[in-house]
């Protein structure tokens, strides 16, 4: 089995990429859940920090899914 240097076999790369994004989203969800359980009940500064971290995580996830969409559909 000899492959040309310029030849690329995509195979299951798209499916693996999609699964990796799903695992990343699940890991973020778990991290947020652990953070909320650790800091509960939220008072004062802890609530602000928690909600900022949740918002930043959601924004990063949404941006990464938008960025990855062309690669996933290819």
N, C-alpha and C. Protein backbone atom coordinates (compact mmCIF):
# COMPACT_ATOMS: atom_id res chain seq x y z
N UNK A 1 0.83 -1.18 0.00
CA UNK A 1 0.00 0.00 0.00
C UNK A 1 0.87 1.24 0.00
N UNK A 2 1.05 1.82 -1.13
CA UNK A 2 1.81 3.04 -1.22
C UNK A 2 0.86 4.18 -1.52
N UNK A 3 0.99 5.23 -0.79
CA UNK A 3 0.17 6.43 -1.00
C UNK A 3 1.04 7.53 -1.57
N UNK A 4 0.44 8.33 -2.41
CA UNK A 4 1.13 9.50 -2.92
C UNK A 4 1.28 10.51 -1.79
N UNK A 5 2.33 11.30 -1.83
CA UNK A 5 2.57 12.28 -0.78
C UNK A 5 1.45 13.32 -0.73
N UNK A 6 0.95 13.75 -1.88
CA UNK A 6 -0.08 14.78 -1.94
C UNK A 6 -1.49 14.25 -1.75
N UNK A 7 -1.65 12.94 -1.73
CA UNK A 7 -2.98 12.33 -1.61
C UNK A 7 -3.42 12.31 -0.16
N UNK A 8 -4.71 12.60 0.05
CA UNK A 8 -5.23 12.64 1.42
C UNK A 8 -6.48 11.79 1.51
N UNK A 9 -6.49 10.89 2.47
CA UNK A 9 -7.65 10.04 2.70
C UNK A 9 -8.40 10.57 3.91
N UNK A 10 -9.61 11.10 3.68
CA UNK A 10 -10.36 11.69 4.79
C UNK A 10 -10.96 10.61 5.67
N UNK A 11 -11.35 9.49 5.12
CA UNK A 11 -11.88 8.38 5.91
C UNK A 11 -12.95 8.81 6.89
N UNK A 12 -12.71 8.56 8.14
CA UNK A 12 -13.66 8.91 9.18
C UNK A 12 -13.23 10.15 9.96
N UNK A 13 -12.39 10.98 9.36
CA UNK A 13 -11.88 12.16 10.06
C UNK A 13 -13.00 13.10 10.48
N UNK A 14 -14.00 13.29 9.64
CA UNK A 14 -15.11 14.17 9.98
C UNK A 14 -15.90 13.68 11.18
N UNK A 15 -16.13 12.37 11.22
CA UNK A 15 -16.86 11.79 12.35
C UNK A 15 -16.05 11.90 13.64
N UNK A 16 -14.74 11.65 13.53
CA UNK A 16 -13.89 11.77 14.72
C UNK A 16 -13.84 13.21 15.23
N UNK A 17 -13.81 14.15 14.30
CA UNK A 17 -13.80 15.56 14.69
C UNK A 17 -15.09 15.93 15.38
N UNK A 18 -16.20 15.49 14.84
CA UNK A 18 -17.50 15.79 15.46
C UNK A 18 -17.59 15.17 16.85
N UNK A 19 -17.12 13.95 17.00
CA UNK A 19 -17.12 13.31 18.33
C UNK A 19 -16.22 14.07 19.30
N UNK A 20 -15.09 14.57 18.82
CA UNK A 20 -14.19 15.33 19.68
C UNK A 20 -14.86 16.62 20.15
N UNK A 21 -15.58 17.30 19.26
CA UNK A 21 -16.30 18.52 19.66
C UNK A 21 -17.39 18.17 20.67
N UNK A 22 -18.05 17.07 20.48
CA UNK A 22 -19.10 16.66 21.43
C UNK A 22 -18.49 16.37 22.80
N UNK A 23 -17.34 15.69 22.82
CA UNK A 23 -16.67 15.42 24.10
C UNK A 23 -16.24 16.72 24.78
N UNK A 24 -15.78 17.68 24.00
CA UNK A 24 -15.38 18.97 24.57
C UNK A 24 -16.57 19.68 25.19
N UNK A 25 -17.70 19.64 24.50
CA UNK A 25 -18.91 20.25 25.05
C UNK A 25 -19.37 19.56 26.32
N UNK A 26 -19.29 18.25 26.34
CA UNK A 26 -19.67 17.49 27.53
C UNK A 26 -18.72 17.79 28.69
N UNK A 27 -17.44 17.90 28.41
CA UNK A 27 -16.47 18.22 29.46
C UNK A 27 -16.73 19.61 30.03
N UNK A 28 -17.10 20.56 29.18
CA UNK A 28 -17.45 21.90 29.66
C UNK A 28 -18.67 21.86 30.55
N UNK A 29 -19.68 21.10 30.15
CA UNK A 29 -20.89 20.98 30.95
C UNK A 29 -20.58 20.37 32.31
N UNK A 30 -19.75 19.36 32.34
CA UNK A 30 -19.38 18.72 33.60
C UNK A 30 -18.60 19.70 34.49
N UNK A 31 -17.69 20.45 33.89
CA UNK A 31 -16.90 21.42 34.65
C UNK A 31 -17.80 22.49 35.26
N UNK A 32 -18.76 22.97 34.50
CA UNK A 32 -19.70 23.99 35.02
C UNK A 32 -20.53 23.39 36.14
N UNK A 33 -20.98 22.16 35.97
CA UNK A 33 -21.79 21.51 37.01
C UNK A 33 -20.99 21.36 38.30
N UNK A 34 -19.74 20.92 38.19
CA UNK A 34 -18.89 20.77 39.37
C UNK A 34 -18.65 22.14 40.02
N UNK A 35 -18.41 23.15 39.20
CA UNK A 35 -18.19 24.49 39.73
C UNK A 35 -19.41 24.98 40.48
N UNK A 36 -20.59 24.78 39.92
CA UNK A 36 -21.81 25.23 40.60
C UNK A 36 -22.03 24.47 41.91
N UNK A 37 -21.79 23.18 41.90
CA UNK A 37 -21.97 22.39 43.14
C UNK A 37 -20.96 22.81 44.20
N UNK A 38 -19.76 23.13 43.78
CA UNK A 38 -18.71 23.52 44.72
C UNK A 38 -18.99 24.88 45.35
N UNK A 39 -19.53 25.80 44.57
CA UNK A 39 -19.74 27.17 45.03
C UNK A 39 -21.15 27.42 45.54
N UNK A 40 -22.01 26.43 45.52
CA UNK A 40 -23.40 26.64 45.92
C UNK A 40 -23.49 26.75 47.42
N UNK A 41 -24.24 27.56 48.05
CA UNK A 41 -25.07 28.64 47.50
C UNK A 41 -24.20 29.83 47.08
N UNK A 42 -24.61 30.43 46.01
CA UNK A 42 -23.85 31.53 45.44
C UNK A 42 -24.24 32.85 46.10
N UNK A 43 -23.25 33.53 46.63
CA UNK A 43 -23.48 34.83 47.26
C UNK A 43 -22.38 35.78 46.81
N UNK A 44 -22.77 36.99 46.50
CA UNK A 44 -21.81 38.05 46.21
C UNK A 44 -20.90 37.76 45.04
N UNK A 45 -19.60 37.85 45.30
CA UNK A 45 -18.59 37.74 44.26
C UNK A 45 -18.59 36.37 43.59
N UNK A 46 -18.87 35.31 44.34
CA UNK A 46 -18.88 33.96 43.76
C UNK A 46 -19.92 33.83 42.65
N UNK A 47 -21.08 34.43 42.85
CA UNK A 47 -22.12 34.32 41.82
C UNK A 47 -21.72 35.05 40.55
N UNK A 48 -21.10 36.20 40.69
CA UNK A 48 -20.66 36.97 39.53
C UNK A 48 -19.61 36.18 38.75
N UNK A 49 -18.62 35.65 39.46
CA UNK A 49 -17.55 34.87 38.81
C UNK A 49 -18.13 33.64 38.12
N UNK A 50 -19.03 32.95 38.79
CA UNK A 50 -19.62 31.74 38.22
C UNK A 50 -20.38 32.05 36.94
N UNK A 51 -21.21 33.07 36.96
CA UNK A 51 -22.00 33.38 35.78
C UNK A 51 -21.14 33.91 34.64
N UNK A 52 -20.07 34.63 34.96
CA UNK A 52 -19.14 35.08 33.92
C UNK A 52 -18.45 33.88 33.28
N UNK A 53 -18.00 32.93 34.10
CA UNK A 53 -17.34 31.73 33.56
C UNK A 53 -18.30 30.91 32.69
N UNK A 54 -19.55 30.80 33.12
CA UNK A 54 -20.54 30.07 32.31
C UNK A 54 -20.76 30.78 30.98
N UNK A 55 -20.88 32.10 31.01
CA UNK A 55 -21.10 32.86 29.77
C UNK A 55 -19.90 32.75 28.83
N UNK A 56 -18.70 32.84 29.38
CA UNK A 56 -17.50 32.73 28.55
C UNK A 56 -17.40 31.33 27.95
N UNK A 57 -17.66 30.31 28.75
CA UNK A 57 -17.63 28.94 28.24
C UNK A 57 -18.66 28.71 27.14
N UNK A 58 -19.86 29.24 27.32
CA UNK A 58 -20.90 29.09 26.29
C UNK A 58 -20.51 29.83 25.02
N UNK A 59 -19.92 31.01 25.16
CA UNK A 59 -19.51 31.78 23.98
C UNK A 59 -18.39 31.07 23.22
N UNK A 60 -17.43 30.52 23.95
CA UNK A 60 -16.33 29.79 23.30
C UNK A 60 -16.86 28.56 22.60
N UNK A 61 -17.76 27.84 23.24
CA UNK A 61 -18.33 26.64 22.62
C UNK A 61 -19.09 27.01 21.35
N UNK A 62 -19.92 28.06 21.41
CA UNK A 62 -20.70 28.47 20.24
C UNK A 62 -19.79 28.91 19.10
N UNK A 63 -18.75 29.67 19.42
CA UNK A 63 -17.81 30.12 18.40
C UNK A 63 -17.06 28.94 17.78
N UNK A 64 -16.66 27.99 18.61
CA UNK A 64 -15.92 26.85 18.08
C UNK A 64 -16.82 25.97 17.20
N UNK A 65 -18.07 25.82 17.58
CA UNK A 65 -18.99 25.03 16.73
C UNK A 65 -19.22 25.74 15.40
N UNK A 66 -19.32 27.05 15.43
CA UNK A 66 -19.50 27.80 14.18
C UNK A 66 -18.26 27.68 13.30
N UNK A 67 -17.08 27.75 13.92
CA UNK A 67 -15.83 27.63 13.19
C UNK A 67 -15.67 26.22 12.62
N UNK A 68 -16.08 25.21 13.35
CA UNK A 68 -15.87 23.83 12.93
C UNK A 68 -16.91 23.34 11.93
N UNK A 69 -18.03 24.03 11.80
CA UNK A 69 -19.12 23.56 10.94
C UNK A 69 -18.68 23.28 9.50
N UNK A 70 -17.89 24.14 8.84
CA UNK A 70 -17.46 23.80 7.46
C UNK A 70 -16.63 22.52 7.41
N UNK A 71 -15.86 22.25 8.45
CA UNK A 71 -15.03 21.05 8.46
C UNK A 71 -15.85 19.80 8.72
N UNK A 72 -16.91 19.95 9.51
CA UNK A 72 -17.74 18.81 9.85
C UNK A 72 -18.62 18.38 8.68
N UNK A 73 -19.05 19.33 7.87
CA UNK A 73 -19.94 19.00 6.75
C UNK A 73 -19.18 18.56 5.52
N UNK A 74 -17.86 18.69 5.52
CA UNK A 74 -17.06 18.32 4.35
C UNK A 74 -16.90 16.82 4.25
